[in-house]
Protein backbone atom coordinates (compact mmCIF):
# COMPACT_ATOMS: atom_id res chain seq x y z
CA UNK A 1 -10.30 0.00 -10.63
CA UNK A 2 -11.77 0.69 -7.17
CA UNK A 3 -11.64 4.06 -5.45
CA UNK A 4 -9.14 4.41 -2.62
CA UNK A 5 -10.54 4.16 0.91
CA UNK A 6 -13.86 2.96 -0.46
CA UNK A 7 -15.23 0.50 2.12
CA UNK A 8 -17.92 -0.96 -0.14
CA UNK A 9 -15.94 -2.00 -3.20
CA UNK A 10 -16.14 -5.63 -4.29
CA UNK A 11 -14.25 -8.12 -2.18
CA UNK A 12 -12.50 -10.50 -4.55
CA UNK A 13 -10.16 -13.33 -3.63
CA UNK A 14 -7.15 -11.30 -4.79
CA UNK A 15 -8.27 -8.29 -2.75
CA UNK A 16 -8.63 -10.42 0.38
CA UNK A 17 -5.18 -11.91 -0.23
CA UNK A 18 -3.56 -8.48 -0.62
CA UNK A 19 -5.48 -7.12 2.39
CA UNK A 20 -4.32 -10.08 4.51
CA UNK A 21 -0.70 -9.57 3.52
CA UNK A 22 -0.82 -5.91 4.53
CA UNK A 23 -2.60 -6.77 7.80
CA UNK A 24 0.23 -9.15 8.68
CA UNK A 25 2.76 -6.42 7.92
CA UNK A 26 0.73 -3.90 9.95
CA UNK A 27 0.57 -6.26 12.95
CA UNK A 28 4.29 -7.07 12.74
CA UNK A 29 5.05 -3.34 12.60
CA UNK A 30 2.87 -2.71 15.70
CA UNK A 31 4.65 -5.52 17.53
CA UNK A 32 8.08 -4.01 16.81
CA UNK A 33 6.92 -0.51 17.81
CA UNK A 34 5.69 -1.84 21.15
CA UNK A 35 8.84 -3.91 21.64
CA UNK A 36 11.13 -0.93 20.98
CA UNK A 37 9.19 1.23 23.44
CA UNK A 38 9.17 -1.49 26.10
CA UNK A 39 12.90 -2.15 25.77
CA UNK A 40 13.62 1.59 25.70
CA UNK A 41 11.54 2.11 28.84
CA UNK A 42 13.40 -0.62 30.72
CA UNK A 43 16.77 0.69 29.54
CA UNK A 44 15.86 4.17 30.74
CA UNK A 45 16.10 2.94 34.34
CA UNK A 46 19.88 2.64 33.89
CA UNK A 47 22.00 5.75 33.42
CA UNK A 48 24.53 3.87 31.28
CA UNK A 49 21.81 2.83 28.82
CA UNK A 50 20.21 6.23 28.21
CA UNK A 51 21.61 6.64 24.68
CA UNK A 52 20.54 3.18 23.43
CA UNK A 53 17.17 3.72 25.13
CA UNK A 54 16.73 6.95 23.19
CA UNK A 55 17.49 5.06 19.98
CA UNK A 56 14.86 2.46 20.91
CA UNK A 57 12.31 5.25 21.35
CA UNK A 58 13.35 6.74 18.01
CA UNK A 59 12.98 3.38 16.24
CA UNK A 60 9.61 2.85 17.91
CA UNK A 61 8.52 6.26 16.63
CA UNK A 62 9.59 5.31 13.11
CA UNK A 63 7.39 2.23 13.38
CA UNK A 64 4.47 4.42 14.47
CA UNK A 65 5.10 6.55 11.39
CA UNK A 66 4.93 3.41 9.25
CA UNK A 67 1.40 2.57 10.48
CA UNK A 68 -0.47 5.05 8.25
CA UNK A 69 2.05 4.47 5.47
CA UNK A 70 1.20 0.75 5.43
CA UNK A 71 -2.53 1.55 5.36
CA UNK A 72 -2.17 3.98 2.46
CA UNK A 73 0.03 1.50 0.56
CA UNK A 74 -2.57 -1.24 1.15
CA UNK A 75 -5.42 0.94 -0.10
CA UNK A 76 -3.40 2.07 -3.12
CA UNK A 77 -2.54 -1.55 -3.95
CA UNK A 78 -6.16 -2.69 -3.59
CA UNK A 79 -7.39 0.26 -5.66
CA UNK A 80 -5.12 -0.89 -8.51
CA UNK A 81 -6.73 -4.34 -8.59
CA UNK A 82 -9.33 -4.90 -11.30
CA UNK A 83 -12.93 -5.14 -10.19
CA UNK A 84 -15.07 -8.07 -11.32
CA UNK A 85 -16.41 -7.23 -14.76
CA UNK A 86 -13.69 -4.68 -15.59
CA UNK A 87 -12.22 -7.00 -18.21
CA UNK A 88 -15.39 -6.97 -20.30
């Protein structure tokens, strides 16, 4: 088992696959955070849309909170993968 946040641990096919999956999730999360903030900013120009705009900002903030959570989950998942030679 590799140490968490260890940049030099072995890069196996399974590790690259897991890393790629989390990177896709991380990018999708960033996209939604930006989208919520953009939509909220546009809505803020209209008095009648202030409440939904505030909810957009809140949802965008939740997505920003998910960023480090996704990274920690990725590192934890990768750390649980067996290293080459561990099965011997």
